Amino acid sequence: MEKIIFYSLSTLAVFSALMVVLSKKPIHSLLYLLLCFFTIAGHYVLLNAQFLAVVHIIVYAGAIMVLFLFSLMLLNLNIKEELQKTVWMRIIAVISGGLLLVALVGVLKGLDTSAGPMLASTQIGLMKNIGNVLFNEYMLPFEVASILFLTAMVGAVMLGKDEEKVVKK
C-alpha cells in the first residue's frame, strides 16, 4: 500500500511540476505549484517526518505562495508588451539547456543507487525526537540563533523608524 501511495504522489508531483512550467496562465502555474508542495509534504509523511511535512506546508504553501501571488499581482503581464525573443536567444537557450542535460547525465551516470542508507530509527522525524535532539545536543547553537534573530529584528525596527521622531524624543 505504501508503494502505491508513493508512486501516485510522485506521479502527481512530477505532473504538477511540469504544469507549473508549461501552463500559459500565471495563476494556474501558482495553483499547480501549490499542488506540488502538498505532494512533497505527502512524501514527508510517508518518511515518518510529520513535523517536517507541517512546516513545509506552513512555510511554502502559506508564506511563499502568498509572496508569489502578491508579486504576480504587482507585475504587469500584458502579452502585447512582451519582448519577442530573437532567434539567437532561442538558439543559445537550446544549447545551454542541452549542456545542462549532458552535465546532469554525466553526474547521474556515476551515481550508485544499489544500496540505500540504513536508518537507525524509524521515529527520527517525530516532533518528540526532534525536540529532544534540538534541546539536548544542539542547545547552544539554538540559543545563539535565537539571539541573532532577535538582534536582526531589533535592527530592522530601528532602521525602519523615522530619524526625526527618534531625534525629537
N, C-alpha and C. Protein backbone atom coordinates (compact mmCIF):
# COMPACT_ATOMS: atom_id res chain seq x y z
N MET A 1 0.82 -1.20 0.00
CA MET A 1 0.00 0.00 0.00
C MET A 1 0.87 1.27 0.00
N GLU A 2 1.99 1.17 0.74
CA GLU A 2 2.87 2.33 0.83
C GLU A 2 3.50 2.66 -0.52
N LYS A 3 3.83 1.63 -1.30
CA LYS A 3 4.41 1.86 -2.62
C LYS A 3 3.40 2.50 -3.56
N ILE A 4 2.14 2.10 -3.46
CA ILE A 4 1.10 2.69 -4.31
C ILE A 4 0.94 4.17 -4.00
N ILE A 5 0.93 4.50 -2.73
CA ILE A 5 0.81 5.91 -2.33
C ILE A 5 2.04 6.68 -2.80
N PHE A 6 3.22 6.10 -2.63
CA PHE A 6 4.45 6.77 -3.05
C PHE A 6 4.45 7.05 -4.55
N TYR A 7 4.12 6.04 -5.34
CA TYR A 7 4.14 6.23 -6.79
C TYR A 7 3.05 7.19 -7.26
N SER A 8 1.90 7.17 -6.63
CA SER A 8 0.85 8.12 -7.02
C SER A 8 1.24 9.55 -6.63
N LEU A 9 1.82 9.73 -5.44
CA LEU A 9 2.29 11.06 -5.05
C LEU A 9 3.42 11.53 -5.96
N SER A 10 4.31 10.63 -6.33
CA SER A 10 5.43 11.00 -7.20
C SER A 10 4.93 11.39 -8.59
N THR A 11 4.00 10.63 -9.12
CA THR A 11 3.44 10.95 -10.43
C THR A 11 2.73 12.29 -10.40
N LEU A 12 1.96 12.53 -9.36
CA LEU A 12 1.26 13.80 -9.22
C LEU A 12 2.23 14.96 -9.04
N ALA A 13 3.33 14.74 -8.30
CA ALA A 13 4.32 15.79 -8.10
C ALA A 13 5.02 16.14 -9.41
N VAL A 14 5.41 15.13 -10.18
CA VAL A 14 6.07 15.40 -11.46
C VAL A 14 5.12 16.07 -12.44
N PHE A 15 3.86 15.61 -12.47
CA PHE A 15 2.87 16.22 -13.36
C PHE A 15 2.65 17.68 -12.99
N SER A 16 2.47 17.96 -11.70
CA SER A 16 2.20 19.34 -11.30
C SER A 16 3.43 20.23 -11.52
N ALA A 17 4.64 19.68 -11.33
CA ALA A 17 5.85 20.47 -11.59
C ALA A 17 5.97 20.80 -13.08
N LEU A 18 5.63 19.84 -13.94
CA LEU A 18 5.65 20.12 -15.37
C LEU A 18 4.59 21.15 -15.75
N MET A 19 3.43 21.06 -15.13
CA MET A 19 2.36 22.02 -15.44
C MET A 19 2.69 23.43 -14.94
N VAL A 20 3.53 23.54 -13.89
CA VAL A 20 3.97 24.86 -13.45
C VAL A 20 4.73 25.54 -14.58
N VAL A 21 5.56 24.79 -15.25
CA VAL A 21 6.38 25.35 -16.33
C VAL A 21 5.58 25.52 -17.61
N LEU A 22 4.70 24.58 -17.92
CA LEU A 22 4.02 24.59 -19.20
C LEU A 22 2.71 25.38 -19.22
N SER A 23 2.20 25.76 -18.08
CA SER A 23 0.93 26.45 -18.02
C SER A 23 1.04 27.86 -18.61
N LYS A 24 0.04 28.26 -19.37
CA LYS A 24 0.06 29.57 -20.02
C LYS A 24 -0.34 30.69 -19.07
N LYS A 25 -1.25 30.40 -18.13
CA LYS A 25 -1.72 31.44 -17.21
C LYS A 25 -0.92 31.36 -15.91
N PRO A 26 -0.44 32.51 -15.42
CA PRO A 26 0.39 32.51 -14.20
C PRO A 26 -0.36 32.02 -12.96
N ILE A 27 -1.64 32.31 -12.85
CA ILE A 27 -2.40 31.86 -11.69
C ILE A 27 -2.50 30.33 -11.69
N HIS A 28 -2.68 29.73 -12.86
CA HIS A 28 -2.72 28.27 -12.94
C HIS A 28 -1.36 27.68 -12.55
N SER A 29 -0.27 28.35 -12.94
CA SER A 29 1.06 27.90 -12.53
C SER A 29 1.19 27.91 -11.02
N LEU A 30 0.69 28.95 -10.38
CA LEU A 30 0.76 29.02 -8.92
C LEU A 30 -0.05 27.91 -8.26
N LEU A 31 -1.21 27.61 -8.83
CA LEU A 31 -2.03 26.54 -8.25
C LEU A 31 -1.37 25.17 -8.43
N TYR A 32 -0.73 24.95 -9.58
CA TYR A 32 0.00 23.70 -9.77
C TYR A 32 1.21 23.63 -8.82
N LEU A 33 1.85 24.77 -8.57
CA LEU A 33 2.96 24.80 -7.63
C LEU A 33 2.48 24.45 -6.22
N LEU A 34 1.31 24.94 -5.86
CA LEU A 34 0.72 24.61 -4.57
C LEU A 34 0.45 23.11 -4.47
N LEU A 35 -0.07 22.52 -5.53
CA LEU A 35 -0.31 21.08 -5.55
C LEU A 35 1.01 20.31 -5.41
N CYS A 36 2.05 20.79 -6.06
CA CYS A 36 3.36 20.16 -5.96
C CYS A 36 3.88 20.22 -4.52
N PHE A 37 3.69 21.35 -3.84
CA PHE A 37 4.11 21.47 -2.45
C PHE A 37 3.37 20.47 -1.56
N PHE A 38 2.08 20.29 -1.80
CA PHE A 38 1.31 19.35 -0.98
C PHE A 38 1.74 17.90 -1.24
N THR A 39 2.08 17.58 -2.48
CA THR A 39 2.53 16.21 -2.74
C THR A 39 3.89 15.94 -2.10
N ILE A 40 4.75 16.95 -2.08
CA ILE A 40 6.04 16.78 -1.40
C ILE A 40 5.83 16.61 0.10
N ALA A 41 4.87 17.35 0.66
CA ALA A 41 4.54 17.15 2.08
C ALA A 41 4.01 15.74 2.33
N GLY A 42 3.29 15.19 1.37
CA GLY A 42 2.85 13.81 1.48
C GLY A 42 4.02 12.84 1.51
N HIS A 43 5.06 13.14 0.76
CA HIS A 43 6.27 12.30 0.81
C HIS A 43 6.91 12.36 2.19
N TYR A 44 6.91 13.54 2.80
CA TYR A 44 7.46 13.67 4.15
C TYR A 44 6.67 12.81 5.14
N VAL A 45 5.36 12.78 4.98
CA VAL A 45 4.54 11.94 5.87
C VAL A 45 4.88 10.47 5.66
N LEU A 46 5.10 10.07 4.41
CA LEU A 46 5.49 8.68 4.16
C LEU A 46 6.84 8.34 4.79
N LEU A 47 7.71 9.31 4.92
CA LEU A 47 9.01 9.09 5.55
C LEU A 47 8.95 9.21 7.07
N ASN A 48 7.74 9.35 7.61
CA ASN A 48 7.51 9.47 9.05
C ASN A 48 8.12 10.75 9.62
N ALA A 49 8.06 11.82 8.85
CA ALA A 49 8.54 13.12 9.29
C ALA A 49 7.36 14.10 9.26
N GLN A 50 6.42 13.88 10.17
CA GLN A 50 5.20 14.67 10.18
C GLN A 50 5.48 16.14 10.48
N PHE A 51 6.41 16.38 11.38
CA PHE A 51 6.74 17.77 11.73
C PHE A 51 7.27 18.51 10.51
N LEU A 52 8.15 17.88 9.76
CA LEU A 52 8.70 18.49 8.56
C LEU A 52 7.61 18.72 7.51
N ALA A 53 6.65 17.82 7.43
CA ALA A 53 5.54 17.99 6.48
C ALA A 53 4.70 19.21 6.84
N VAL A 54 4.41 19.36 8.12
CA VAL A 54 3.60 20.51 8.56
C VAL A 54 4.36 21.81 8.35
N VAL A 55 5.64 21.83 8.69
CA VAL A 55 6.45 23.03 8.49
C VAL A 55 6.56 23.36 7.01
N HIS A 56 6.69 22.34 6.18
CA HIS A 56 6.76 22.55 4.73
C HIS A 56 5.47 23.20 4.21
N ILE A 57 4.34 22.72 4.68
CA ILE A 57 3.07 23.29 4.24
C ILE A 57 2.92 24.73 4.73
N ILE A 58 3.28 24.97 5.99
CA ILE A 58 3.13 26.32 6.54
C ILE A 58 4.05 27.30 5.83
N VAL A 59 5.32 26.92 5.65
CA VAL A 59 6.29 27.85 5.08
C VAL A 59 6.08 28.01 3.58
N TYR A 60 6.04 26.92 2.85
CA TYR A 60 5.98 27.03 1.39
C TYR A 60 4.58 27.30 0.89
N ALA A 61 3.63 26.47 1.29
CA ALA A 61 2.28 26.65 0.77
C ALA A 61 1.64 27.89 1.36
N GLY A 62 2.06 28.31 2.53
CA GLY A 62 1.50 29.51 3.14
C GLY A 62 2.24 30.76 2.73
N ALA A 63 3.44 30.92 3.28
CA ALA A 63 4.16 32.18 3.13
C ALA A 63 4.70 32.41 1.73
N ILE A 64 5.37 31.43 1.16
CA ILE A 64 5.99 31.62 -0.15
C ILE A 64 4.93 31.80 -1.24
N MET A 65 3.84 31.05 -1.15
CA MET A 65 2.79 31.19 -2.17
C MET A 65 2.12 32.55 -2.08
N VAL A 66 1.94 33.08 -0.88
CA VAL A 66 1.37 34.43 -0.75
C VAL A 66 2.32 35.45 -1.36
N LEU A 67 3.61 35.27 -1.12
CA LEU A 67 4.60 36.17 -1.72
C LEU A 67 4.56 36.10 -3.24
N PHE A 68 4.50 34.89 -3.80
CA PHE A 68 4.40 34.75 -5.25
C PHE A 68 3.12 35.38 -5.78
N LEU A 69 2.04 35.20 -5.07
CA LEU A 69 0.76 35.74 -5.53
C LEU A 69 0.78 37.26 -5.54
N PHE A 70 1.32 37.87 -4.49
CA PHE A 70 1.40 39.34 -4.46
C PHE A 70 2.35 39.86 -5.54
N SER A 71 3.49 39.18 -5.76
CA SER A 71 4.38 39.64 -6.81
C SER A 71 3.75 39.50 -8.17
N LEU A 72 2.98 38.45 -8.36
CA LEU A 72 2.28 38.25 -9.63
C LEU A 72 1.24 39.33 -9.84
N MET A 73 0.55 39.71 -8.78
CA MET A 73 -0.47 40.75 -8.89
C MET A 73 0.16 42.11 -9.18
N LEU A 74 1.38 42.35 -8.70
CA LEU A 74 2.02 43.64 -8.91
C LEU A 74 2.67 43.76 -10.29
N LEU A 75 2.94 42.63 -10.93
CA LEU A 75 3.57 42.67 -12.25
C LEU A 75 2.56 43.02 -13.32
N ASN A 76 3.04 43.68 -14.34
CA ASN A 76 2.19 43.97 -15.50
C ASN A 76 2.46 42.90 -16.54
N LEU A 77 1.54 41.97 -16.68
CA LEU A 77 1.75 40.83 -17.56
C LEU A 77 0.98 40.94 -18.87
N ASN A 78 1.06 42.10 -19.50
CA ASN A 78 0.41 42.27 -20.79
C ASN A 78 1.22 41.54 -21.86
N ILE A 79 0.57 40.67 -22.59
CA ILE A 79 1.25 39.90 -23.62
C ILE A 79 1.65 40.80 -24.79
N LYS A 80 0.89 41.85 -25.03
CA LYS A 80 1.18 42.74 -26.16
C LYS A 80 2.52 43.45 -25.97
N GLU A 81 2.88 43.76 -24.71
CA GLU A 81 4.10 44.49 -24.44
C GLU A 81 5.31 43.57 -24.23
N GLU A 82 5.10 42.28 -24.28
CA GLU A 82 6.20 41.34 -24.03
C GLU A 82 7.20 41.39 -25.17
N LEU A 83 8.46 41.43 -24.82
CA LEU A 83 9.51 41.45 -25.83
C LEU A 83 9.62 40.08 -26.48
N GLN A 84 9.70 40.08 -27.80
CA GLN A 84 9.84 38.82 -28.52
C GLN A 84 11.31 38.41 -28.50
N LYS A 85 11.55 37.14 -28.31
CA LYS A 85 12.91 36.64 -28.24
C LYS A 85 13.44 36.45 -29.66
N THR A 86 14.69 36.85 -29.83
CA THR A 86 15.29 36.72 -31.15
C THR A 86 15.70 35.26 -31.39
N VAL A 87 16.04 34.98 -32.63
CA VAL A 87 16.45 33.63 -32.99
C VAL A 87 17.73 33.24 -32.25
N TRP A 88 18.66 34.20 -32.10
CA TRP A 88 19.92 33.91 -31.41
C TRP A 88 19.68 33.57 -29.95
N MET A 89 18.76 34.25 -29.32
CA MET A 89 18.47 33.96 -27.91
C MET A 89 17.88 32.56 -27.77
N ARG A 90 17.05 32.17 -28.69
CA ARG A 90 16.46 30.83 -28.65
C ARG A 90 17.52 29.75 -28.88
N ILE A 91 18.43 30.00 -29.81
CA ILE A 91 19.50 29.04 -30.08
C ILE A 91 20.40 28.89 -28.85
N ILE A 92 20.75 30.01 -28.24
CA ILE A 92 21.60 29.97 -27.04
C ILE A 92 20.87 29.24 -25.90
N ALA A 93 19.57 29.45 -25.77
CA ALA A 93 18.80 28.76 -24.73
C ALA A 93 18.78 27.25 -24.96
N VAL A 94 18.63 26.83 -26.20
CA VAL A 94 18.62 25.39 -26.50
C VAL A 94 20.00 24.78 -26.25
N ILE A 95 21.05 25.48 -26.64
CA ILE A 95 22.41 24.97 -26.42
C ILE A 95 22.71 24.87 -24.93
N SER A 96 22.38 25.91 -24.15
CA SER A 96 22.66 25.85 -22.71
C SER A 96 21.81 24.80 -22.02
N GLY A 97 20.57 24.61 -22.45
CA GLY A 97 19.75 23.53 -21.89
C GLY A 97 20.32 22.17 -22.21
N GLY A 98 20.84 21.99 -23.43
CA GLY A 98 21.47 20.73 -23.80
C GLY A 98 22.74 20.47 -23.00
N LEU A 99 23.55 21.52 -22.78
CA LEU A 99 24.74 21.36 -21.95
C LEU A 99 24.39 20.99 -20.51
N LEU A 100 23.33 21.58 -19.99
CA LEU A 100 22.87 21.24 -18.65
C LEU A 100 22.42 19.78 -18.59
N LEU A 101 21.73 19.33 -19.63
CA LEU A 101 21.30 17.93 -19.69
C LEU A 101 22.49 16.98 -19.74
N VAL A 102 23.51 17.33 -20.54
CA VAL A 102 24.71 16.50 -20.62
C VAL A 102 25.41 16.44 -19.26
N ALA A 103 25.52 17.57 -18.57
CA ALA A 103 26.15 17.59 -17.25
C ALA A 103 25.35 16.77 -16.25
N LEU A 104 24.04 16.86 -16.30
CA LEU A 104 23.19 16.09 -15.39
C LEU A 104 23.32 14.60 -15.63
N VAL A 105 23.34 14.20 -16.91
CA VAL A 105 23.51 12.78 -17.23
C VAL A 105 24.88 12.30 -16.78
N GLY A 106 25.91 13.13 -16.96
CA GLY A 106 27.26 12.76 -16.52
C GLY A 106 27.36 12.58 -15.02
N VAL A 107 26.67 13.43 -14.28
CA VAL A 107 26.70 13.32 -12.81
C VAL A 107 25.92 12.10 -12.36
N LEU A 108 24.76 11.87 -12.94
CA LEU A 108 23.93 10.75 -12.52
C LEU A 108 24.45 9.40 -13.00
N LYS A 109 25.32 9.40 -14.01
CA LYS A 109 25.85 8.14 -14.53
C LYS A 109 26.72 7.44 -13.50
N GLY A 110 27.48 8.19 -12.73
CA GLY A 110 28.37 7.60 -11.74
C GLY A 110 27.71 7.40 -10.38
N LEU A 111 26.43 7.65 -10.28
CA LEU A 111 25.73 7.52 -9.01
C LEU A 111 25.42 6.06 -8.72
N ASP A 112 25.74 5.61 -7.52
CA ASP A 112 25.48 4.23 -7.12
C ASP A 112 24.16 4.19 -6.35
N THR A 113 23.15 3.58 -6.95
CA THR A 113 21.83 3.52 -6.31
C THR A 113 21.49 2.12 -5.85
N SER A 114 22.48 1.24 -5.77
CA SER A 114 22.18 -0.15 -5.42
C SER A 114 21.77 -0.31 -3.97
N ALA A 115 22.45 0.37 -3.06
CA ALA A 115 22.12 0.21 -1.64
C ALA A 115 21.82 1.57 -1.05
N GLY A 116 20.62 1.74 -0.51
CA GLY A 116 20.25 2.98 0.14
C GLY A 116 20.77 3.01 1.56
N PRO A 117 20.79 4.17 2.17
CA PRO A 117 21.28 4.26 3.55
C PRO A 117 20.30 3.60 4.51
N MET A 118 20.84 2.97 5.52
CA MET A 118 20.03 2.32 6.54
C MET A 118 19.74 3.32 7.65
N LEU A 119 18.48 3.48 7.99
CA LEU A 119 18.11 4.38 9.06
C LEU A 119 18.23 3.66 10.40
N ALA A 120 18.80 4.36 11.38
CA ALA A 120 18.96 3.77 12.70
C ALA A 120 17.61 3.69 13.41
N SER A 121 16.78 4.70 13.20
CA SER A 121 15.48 4.73 13.88
C SER A 121 14.42 5.17 12.89
N THR A 122 13.27 4.54 12.95
CA THR A 122 12.18 4.95 12.06
C THR A 122 11.37 6.09 12.66
N GLN A 123 11.66 6.45 13.88
CA GLN A 123 10.92 7.51 14.57
C GLN A 123 11.69 8.83 14.54
N ILE A 124 12.63 9.00 13.63
CA ILE A 124 13.53 10.14 13.64
C ILE A 124 12.82 11.47 13.36
N GLY A 125 11.76 11.48 12.56
CA GLY A 125 11.13 12.72 12.17
C GLY A 125 9.98 13.16 13.06
N LEU A 126 9.72 12.47 14.13
CA LEU A 126 8.62 12.85 15.01
C LEU A 126 9.02 14.06 15.85
N MET A 127 8.02 14.84 16.25
CA MET A 127 8.28 16.08 16.98
C MET A 127 8.99 15.83 18.31
N LYS A 128 8.63 14.77 19.00
CA LYS A 128 9.25 14.48 20.29
C LYS A 128 10.75 14.25 20.13
N ASN A 129 11.14 13.49 19.13
CA ASN A 129 12.56 13.20 18.90
C ASN A 129 13.30 14.44 18.41
N ILE A 130 12.67 15.23 17.57
CA ILE A 130 13.31 16.47 17.10
C ILE A 130 13.52 17.41 18.28
N GLY A 131 12.54 17.53 19.16
CA GLY A 131 12.68 18.37 20.35
C GLY A 131 13.78 17.89 21.27
N ASN A 132 13.86 16.57 21.48
CA ASN A 132 14.93 16.04 22.34
C ASN A 132 16.31 16.35 21.77
N VAL A 133 16.49 16.15 20.48
CA VAL A 133 17.79 16.42 19.86
C VAL A 133 18.09 17.91 19.88
N LEU A 134 17.07 18.73 19.58
CA LEU A 134 17.27 20.17 19.50
C LEU A 134 17.62 20.78 20.85
N PHE A 135 16.96 20.33 21.90
CA PHE A 135 17.18 20.95 23.20
C PHE A 135 18.20 20.21 24.06
N ASN A 136 18.76 19.11 23.59
CA ASN A 136 19.83 18.43 24.33
C ASN A 136 21.17 18.61 23.63
N GLU A 137 21.29 18.10 22.42
CA GLU A 137 22.57 18.13 21.72
C GLU A 137 22.88 19.49 21.09
N TYR A 138 21.85 20.19 20.63
CA TYR A 138 22.08 21.43 19.90
C TYR A 138 21.51 22.64 20.64
N MET A 139 21.59 22.64 21.96
CA MET A 139 21.04 23.73 22.75
C MET A 139 21.79 25.04 22.51
N LEU A 140 23.12 25.00 22.54
CA LEU A 140 23.90 26.23 22.35
C LEU A 140 23.69 26.85 20.97
N PRO A 141 23.80 26.09 19.86
CA PRO A 141 23.54 26.72 18.56
C PRO A 141 22.11 27.24 18.42
N PHE A 142 21.16 26.56 19.05
CA PHE A 142 19.77 27.01 19.01
C PHE A 142 19.61 28.36 19.70
N GLU A 143 20.22 28.51 20.86
CA GLU A 143 20.14 29.77 21.60
C GLU A 143 20.90 30.89 20.90
N VAL A 144 22.05 30.58 20.30
CA VAL A 144 22.81 31.59 19.55
C VAL A 144 22.00 32.07 18.35
N ALA A 145 21.33 31.14 17.66
CA ALA A 145 20.49 31.52 16.52
C ALA A 145 19.33 32.39 16.98
N SER A 146 18.74 32.09 18.12
CA SER A 146 17.62 32.90 18.61
C SER A 146 18.09 34.31 18.97
N ILE A 147 19.29 34.45 19.54
CA ILE A 147 19.82 35.78 19.85
C ILE A 147 20.12 36.55 18.57
N LEU A 148 20.65 35.87 17.56
CA LEU A 148 20.91 36.52 16.28
C LEU A 148 19.61 37.01 15.62
N PHE A 149 18.56 36.18 15.67
CA PHE A 149 17.28 36.60 15.10
C PHE A 149 16.68 37.76 15.87
N LEU A 150 16.80 37.75 17.18
CA LEU A 150 16.29 38.86 17.99
C LEU A 150 17.04 40.15 17.66
N THR A 151 18.36 40.06 17.52
CA THR A 151 19.17 41.23 17.16
C THR A 151 18.78 41.74 15.77
N ALA A 152 18.55 40.84 14.83
CA ALA A 152 18.15 41.25 13.48
C ALA A 152 16.79 41.94 13.49
N MET A 153 15.86 41.45 14.31
CA MET A 153 14.53 42.09 14.39
C MET A 153 14.64 43.49 14.98
N VAL A 154 15.43 43.64 16.04
CA VAL A 154 15.60 44.97 16.65
C VAL A 154 16.27 45.91 15.66
N GLY A 155 17.27 45.42 14.94
CA GLY A 155 17.94 46.24 13.94
C GLY A 155 17.01 46.65 12.82
N ALA A 156 16.13 45.75 12.38
CA ALA A 156 15.18 46.08 11.32
C ALA A 156 14.19 47.13 11.79
N VAL A 157 13.74 47.04 13.03
CA VAL A 157 12.82 48.04 13.57
C VAL A 157 13.51 49.39 13.68
N MET A 158 14.75 49.41 14.13
CA MET A 158 15.48 50.67 14.26
C MET A 158 15.76 51.30 12.90
N LEU A 159 16.06 50.50 11.90
CA LEU A 159 16.29 51.04 10.56
C LEU A 159 15.00 51.53 9.92
N GLY A 160 13.90 50.94 10.29
CA GLY A 160 12.61 51.32 9.70
C GLY A 160 11.99 52.56 10.31
N LYS A 161 12.44 52.98 11.48
CA LYS A 161 11.86 54.16 12.12
C LYS A 161 12.32 55.44 11.45
N ASP A 162 11.49 56.47 11.56
CA ASP A 162 11.88 57.79 11.07
C ASP A 162 12.93 58.38 11.99
N GLU A 163 13.96 59.00 11.42
CA GLU A 163 15.02 59.59 12.24
C GLU A 163 14.53 60.82 12.99
N GLU A 164 13.59 61.57 12.39
CA GLU A 164 13.08 62.78 13.04
C GLU A 164 12.35 62.44 14.32
N LYS A 165 11.56 61.38 14.31
CA LYS A 165 10.83 61.01 15.52
C LYS A 165 11.77 60.50 16.60
N VAL A 166 12.84 59.83 16.21
CA VAL A 166 13.80 59.31 17.18
C VAL A 166 14.58 60.46 17.81
N VAL A 167 14.96 61.47 17.00
CA VAL A 167 15.75 62.60 17.49
C VAL A 167 14.91 63.48 18.40
N LYS A 168 13.62 63.71 18.12
CA LYS A 168 12.76 64.57 18.93
C LYS A 168 12.54 64.03 20.32
N LYS A 169 12.54 62.71 20.48
CA LYS A 169 12.31 62.14 21.80
C LYS A 169 13.55 62.27 22.60
